[in-house]
């Protein structure tokens, strides 16, 4: 059945979606970022999918990035964009812009979610001490205010879920001295998923999935066990941003998240389609499913 027809049916009767029984009252974490945040049409599709998941009886949590929005504001203000091993070097002025841009995006997502009839609340890791961090160190250079996650206190997130409110979380945390830190959004999504014992974690990315050949999108690997994912990492085939993403995925599955999916967020309604047919992108799970 075409996805558009599913959308029409789901709007009328979301509780009849075929995955509803498996995920009824289960927590699913969606890491939202990349091009799916900058294309207004795709952004609307993503939020519509999230609203349908919520109306179907699931408990979605959104953890979002905002790299392109941050880059835009830094460029406007003449502040250099500098990265080391995929992490944004964050001095004090940069941290101020990062937090401003993320909170702006956060409230835009809340507004859009509300427009689809779903109550949402935008928070950062600062709120109620949700994400506790320490300074992340790199042998190459001082990263500045870049945080390494030590602990997720899920109490505020669970309170929102129990009240029927969808949490939308931006990746800023506090250290023991209440200093704010910028956090990698992938790492934040994995930490939140572990903290709430999510049934599923979905990454909306700018790639089709984990590919045997990063330059050939036709080589997407549909399914990887944790063991196979570790072998893939050891082979050196995971290049660029896929390396830390895959490491975070493995960590999430090893710490209680049932399965992790990496899918192409640039495809319209890819989130809902992944729940419907489970053939999108790459699934990472503890062990092979017996068919």
Protein backbone atom coordinates (compact mmCIF):
# COMPACT_ATOMS: atom_id res chain seq x y z
CA UNK A 1 0.00 0.00 0.00
CA UNK A 2 1.29 3.48 -0.85
CA UNK A 3 2.52 5.55 2.08
CA UNK A 4 0.15 8.39 1.13
CA UNK A 5 -2.83 6.07 1.61
CA UNK A 6 -1.50 4.99 4.99
CA UNK A 7 -1.18 8.64 5.95
CA UNK A 8 -4.80 9.33 5.03
CA UNK A 9 -6.00 6.26 6.94
CA UNK A 10 -3.75 7.01 9.90
CA UNK A 11 -5.10 10.55 10.25
CA UNK A 12 -8.62 9.13 10.55
CA UNK A 13 -7.80 6.07 12.68
CA UNK A 14 -4.20 6.13 13.98
CA UNK A 15 -5.01 3.35 16.46
CA UNK A 16 -5.50 1.00 13.48
CA UNK A 17 -1.92 1.34 12.21
CA UNK A 18 -0.40 -2.17 11.87
CA UNK A 19 2.47 -1.59 14.31
CA UNK A 20 0.23 -0.26 17.08
CA UNK A 21 -0.08 -3.52 19.02
CA UNK A 22 3.69 -4.09 19.13
CA UNK A 23 4.45 -0.55 20.30
CA UNK A 24 1.34 0.32 22.33
CA UNK A 25 2.42 2.40 25.36
CA UNK A 26 6.08 1.83 24.46
CA UNK A 27 8.67 4.62 24.46
CA UNK A 28 10.40 5.40 21.17
CA UNK A 29 13.17 7.98 20.87
CA UNK A 30 13.69 9.84 17.60
CA UNK A 31 16.92 11.69 16.94
CA UNK A 32 15.99 14.47 14.54
CA UNK A 33 18.63 16.39 12.61
CA UNK A 34 20.33 17.00 9.28
CA UNK A 35 18.51 18.09 6.15
CA UNK A 36 15.19 16.97 7.58
CA UNK A 37 15.36 20.02 9.86
CA UNK A 38 16.08 22.56 7.11
CA UNK A 39 13.59 21.48 4.43
CA UNK A 40 10.25 22.91 5.59
CA UNK A 41 8.19 20.31 3.74
CA UNK A 42 10.14 17.39 5.19
CA UNK A 43 10.07 19.00 8.63
CA UNK A 44 6.27 19.09 8.42
CA UNK A 45 6.25 15.42 7.32
CA UNK A 46 8.46 14.40 10.25
CA UNK A 47 6.30 16.18 12.80
CA UNK A 48 3.14 14.75 11.22
CA UNK A 49 4.65 11.27 11.53
CA UNK A 50 5.51 11.94 15.17
CA UNK A 51 1.99 13.14 15.85
CA UNK A 52 0.55 9.97 14.29
CA UNK A 53 2.85 7.78 16.42
CA UNK A 54 1.59 9.62 19.47
CA UNK A 55 -2.07 9.32 18.46
CA UNK A 56 -1.54 5.61 17.74
CA UNK A 57 -0.67 5.07 21.41
CA UNK A 58 3.14 5.24 21.32
CA UNK A 59 5.20 7.51 23.57
CA UNK A 60 7.62 9.39 21.31
CA UNK A 61 10.52 11.48 22.60
CA UNK A 62 12.40 13.78 20.23
CA UNK A 63 16.07 14.66 20.68
CA UNK A 64 17.15 17.18 18.06
CA UNK A 65 20.33 18.72 16.75
CA UNK A 66 20.67 21.93 14.82
CA UNK A 67 24.10 22.08 13.25
CA UNK A 68 23.06 23.92 10.10
CA UNK A 69 21.13 26.56 12.05
CA UNK A 70 24.12 27.02 14.38
CA UNK A 71 26.48 27.34 11.41
CA UNK A 72 24.22 29.98 9.88
CA UNK A 73 24.22 32.16 12.99
CA UNK A 74 27.94 31.79 13.61
CA UNK A 75 28.66 32.83 10.03
CA UNK A 76 26.39 35.86 10.34
CA UNK A 77 28.27 36.95 13.45
CA UNK A 78 31.70 36.28 11.95
CA UNK A 79 32.54 33.47 14.38
CA UNK A 80 34.62 30.62 12.96
CA UNK A 81 33.04 27.17 12.62
CA UNK A 82 35.69 24.75 13.84
CA UNK A 83 35.39 20.98 14.30
CA UNK A 84 37.73 18.33 15.72
CA UNK A 85 36.82 14.68 15.12
CA UNK A 86 33.27 15.70 14.30
CA UNK A 87 32.81 17.75 17.49
CA UNK A 88 32.21 21.50 17.37
CA UNK A 89 34.87 23.48 19.21
CA UNK A 90 32.75 25.55 21.58
CA UNK A 91 34.26 28.58 23.27
CA UNK A 92 32.10 30.91 25.38
CA UNK A 93 30.72 33.06 22.50
CA UNK A 94 30.05 29.94 20.43
CA UNK A 95 28.23 28.28 23.33
CA UNK A 96 25.94 31.31 23.60
CA UNK A 97 25.05 31.06 19.89
CA UNK A 98 24.67 27.26 20.06
CA UNK A 99 22.18 27.49 22.90
CA UNK A 100 20.26 30.34 21.26
CA UNK A 101 19.95 28.47 17.95
CA UNK A 102 18.98 25.17 19.59
CA UNK A 103 16.31 26.76 21.78
CA UNK A 104 14.89 28.60 18.77
CA UNK A 105 14.59 25.31 16.87
CA UNK A 106 13.23 23.60 19.96
CA UNK A 107 10.30 25.98 20.31
CA UNK A 108 9.61 25.88 16.57
CA UNK A 109 9.23 22.11 16.83
CA UNK A 110 6.92 22.48 19.83
CA UNK A 111 4.80 24.95 17.90
CA UNK A 112 4.60 22.64 14.88
CA UNK A 113 3.77 19.60 17.02
CA UNK A 114 1.00 21.53 18.73
CA UNK A 115 -0.40 22.47 15.31
CA UNK A 116 -0.92 18.74 14.67
CA UNK A 117 -2.95 18.40 17.85
CA UNK A 118 -0.24 16.91 20.08
CA UNK A 119 0.79 18.50 23.37
CA UNK A 120 4.55 19.02 23.45
CA UNK A 121 7.08 20.57 25.81
CA UNK A 122 10.51 21.78 24.79
CA UNK A 123 13.30 21.25 27.30
CA UNK A 124 17.08 21.13 27.32
CA UNK A 125 19.32 18.86 29.33
CA UNK A 126 19.63 21.73 31.81
CA UNK A 127 16.01 21.43 32.93
CA UNK A 128 15.62 19.52 36.21
CA UNK A 129 19.21 18.31 35.81
CA UNK A 130 18.12 15.97 33.02
CA UNK A 131 21.57 15.59 31.42
CA UNK A 132 24.64 15.77 33.63
CA UNK A 133 27.98 16.14 31.89
CA UNK A 134 31.67 16.69 32.41
CA UNK A 135 34.12 18.42 30.10
CA UNK A 136 35.14 16.31 27.11
CA UNK A 137 38.87 16.27 26.42
CA UNK A 138 40.62 15.70 23.10
CA UNK A 139 44.34 15.01 22.59
CA UNK A 140 44.31 17.29 19.52
CA UNK A 141 43.09 20.50 21.16
CA UNK A 142 40.87 22.05 23.80
CA UNK A 143 37.26 21.57 22.69
CA UNK A 144 35.98 24.24 25.06
CA UNK A 145 32.47 23.76 26.41
CA UNK A 146 31.81 20.35 24.85
CA UNK A 147 30.28 17.90 27.28
CA UNK A 148 30.63 14.18 27.85
CA UNK A 149 27.41 12.70 29.25
CA UNK A 150 27.76 11.12 32.68
CA UNK A 151 24.13 10.61 33.64
CA UNK A 152 20.56 11.10 32.45
CA UNK A 153 17.93 11.81 35.10
CA UNK A 154 14.76 10.74 33.30
CA UNK A 155 12.32 11.95 35.96
CA UNK A 156 11.17 15.10 34.10
CA UNK A 157 10.94 13.21 30.79
CA UNK A 158 8.83 10.47 32.39
CA UNK A 159 6.60 13.02 34.12
CA UNK A 160 5.88 14.65 30.76
CA UNK A 161 5.17 11.28 29.10
CA UNK A 162 2.85 10.23 31.91
CA UNK A 163 0.97 13.52 31.46
CA UNK A 164 0.46 12.82 27.76
CA UNK A 165 3.02 15.43 26.70
CA UNK A 166 5.71 14.74 24.09
CA UNK A 167 9.18 15.86 25.26
CA UNK A 168 11.33 17.66 22.69
CA UNK A 169 14.89 17.83 23.97
CA UNK A 170 17.83 19.93 22.81
CA UNK A 171 21.36 18.75 23.67
CA UNK A 172 22.67 21.17 26.26
CA UNK A 173 23.75 19.82 29.66
CA UNK A 174 25.13 20.96 33.00
CA UNK A 175 28.25 19.91 34.86
CA UNK A 176 28.57 19.61 38.64
CA UNK A 177 29.29 23.35 38.86
CA UNK A 178 26.14 24.17 36.82
CA UNK A 179 28.15 25.26 33.79
CA UNK A 180 26.36 24.68 30.49
CA UNK A 181 27.91 22.46 27.82
CA UNK A 182 27.19 21.68 24.20
CA UNK A 183 26.52 17.95 23.63
CA UNK A 184 26.68 15.86 20.47
CA UNK A 185 23.02 15.24 19.58
CA UNK A 186 23.58 11.59 18.60
CA UNK A 187 25.19 10.93 21.97
CA UNK A 188 22.33 12.73 23.73
CA UNK A 189 19.71 10.66 21.89
CA UNK A 190 21.42 7.40 22.85
CA UNK A 191 21.81 8.48 26.47
CA UNK A 192 18.14 9.48 26.70
CA UNK A 193 17.05 6.22 25.06
CA UNK A 194 19.06 4.26 27.63
CA UNK A 195 17.77 6.43 30.47
CA UNK A 196 14.10 5.81 29.63
CA UNK A 197 14.63 2.18 28.53
CA UNK A 198 13.21 2.89 25.08
CA UNK A 199 11.75 0.13 22.95
CA UNK A 200 13.27 1.72 19.89
CA UNK A 201 15.66 4.49 18.86
CA UNK A 202 15.47 5.95 15.35
CA UNK A 203 18.11 8.21 13.78
CA UNK A 204 16.89 10.47 10.97
CA UNK A 205 20.07 11.11 8.99
CA UNK A 206 21.34 12.42 5.66
CA UNK A 207 22.35 8.95 4.48
CA UNK A 208 20.41 5.84 3.42
CA UNK A 209 21.80 3.73 6.28
CA UNK A 210 25.02 1.90 7.09
CA UNK A 211 26.68 1.09 3.74
CA UNK A 212 29.36 -1.50 3.02
CA UNK A 213 30.79 1.11 0.66
CA UNK A 214 30.14 4.64 1.99
CA UNK A 215 30.31 5.95 -1.58
CA UNK A 216 27.66 3.52 -2.89
CA UNK A 217 24.14 3.93 -1.45
CA UNK A 218 23.09 0.61 -3.05
CA UNK A 219 25.26 -1.24 -0.50
CA UNK A 220 23.03 -0.45 2.51
CA UNK A 221 23.16 -3.20 5.14
CA UNK A 222 19.54 -3.87 6.25
CA UNK A 223 20.39 -5.49 9.58
CA UNK A 224 23.38 -5.73 11.92
CA UNK A 225 23.72 -7.49 15.24
CA UNK A 226 25.90 -5.76 17.82
CA UNK A 227 28.63 -8.32 17.10
CA UNK A 228 28.45 -7.66 13.36
CA UNK A 229 28.40 -3.89 13.94
CA UNK A 230 31.60 -4.16 16.00
CA UNK A 231 33.22 -6.21 13.25
CA UNK A 232 32.17 -3.56 10.73
CA UNK A 233 33.80 -0.87 12.86
CA UNK A 234 36.98 -2.93 13.21
CA UNK A 235 37.17 -3.33 9.44
CA UNK A 236 37.57 0.43 9.03
CA UNK A 237 34.59 0.64 6.67
CA UNK A 238 32.68 3.14 8.78
CA UNK A 239 33.86 6.54 7.62
CA UNK A 240 33.08 10.15 8.55
CA UNK A 241 30.18 10.75 10.88
CA UNK A 242 29.06 7.11 10.74
CA UNK A 243 31.84 5.98 13.09
CA UNK A 244 30.65 7.79 16.25
CA UNK A 245 26.99 7.23 15.29
CA UNK A 246 27.47 3.47 15.05
CA UNK A 247 29.42 3.40 18.31
CA UNK A 248 26.54 5.20 20.02
CA UNK A 249 24.04 2.76 18.49
CA UNK A 250 26.00 -0.24 19.80
CA UNK A 251 26.18 1.34 23.25
CA UNK A 252 22.42 1.93 23.27
CA UNK A 253 21.57 -1.69 22.36
CA UNK A 254 24.08 -3.05 24.88
CA UNK A 255 22.39 -0.94 27.55
CA UNK A 256 18.80 -2.04 27.12
CA UNK A 257 17.41 -0.32 23.99
CA UNK A 258 15.69 -3.12 22.04
CA UNK A 259 16.70 -1.93 18.59
CA UNK A 260 18.18 1.06 16.82
CA UNK A 261 17.37 2.16 13.26
CA UNK A 262 19.40 4.50 11.04
CA UNK A 263 17.21 5.82 8.22
CA UNK A 264 17.25 8.54 5.58
CA UNK A 265 15.39 11.52 7.01
CA UNK A 266 15.44 13.26 3.62
CA UNK A 267 12.76 10.87 2.35
CA UNK A 268 9.25 12.17 2.97
CA UNK A 269 7.44 10.28 5.75
CA UNK A 270 10.44 7.96 6.19
CA UNK A 271 9.79 7.76 9.94
CA UNK A 272 6.26 6.43 9.56
CA UNK A 273 7.29 4.20 6.68
CA UNK A 274 10.02 2.62 8.81
CA UNK A 275 7.44 1.67 11.44
CA UNK A 276 5.13 0.30 8.75
CA UNK A 277 7.49 -1.96 6.85
CA UNK A 278 10.84 -2.04 8.74
CA UNK A 279 12.81 -2.13 5.48
CA UNK A 280 14.19 1.40 5.68
CA UNK A 281 17.90 1.92 6.31
CA UNK A 282 19.79 -0.22 8.82
CA UNK A 283 18.52 -1.91 11.99
CA UNK A 284 20.95 -2.70 14.82
CA UNK A 285 19.85 -5.20 17.45
CA UNK A 286 21.35 -7.42 20.12
CA UNK A 287 21.13 -10.66 18.16
CA UNK A 288 19.75 -11.97 14.90
CA UNK A 289 15.98 -12.26 14.67
CA UNK A 290 14.82 -15.86 14.16
CA UNK A 291 12.48 -15.83 11.17
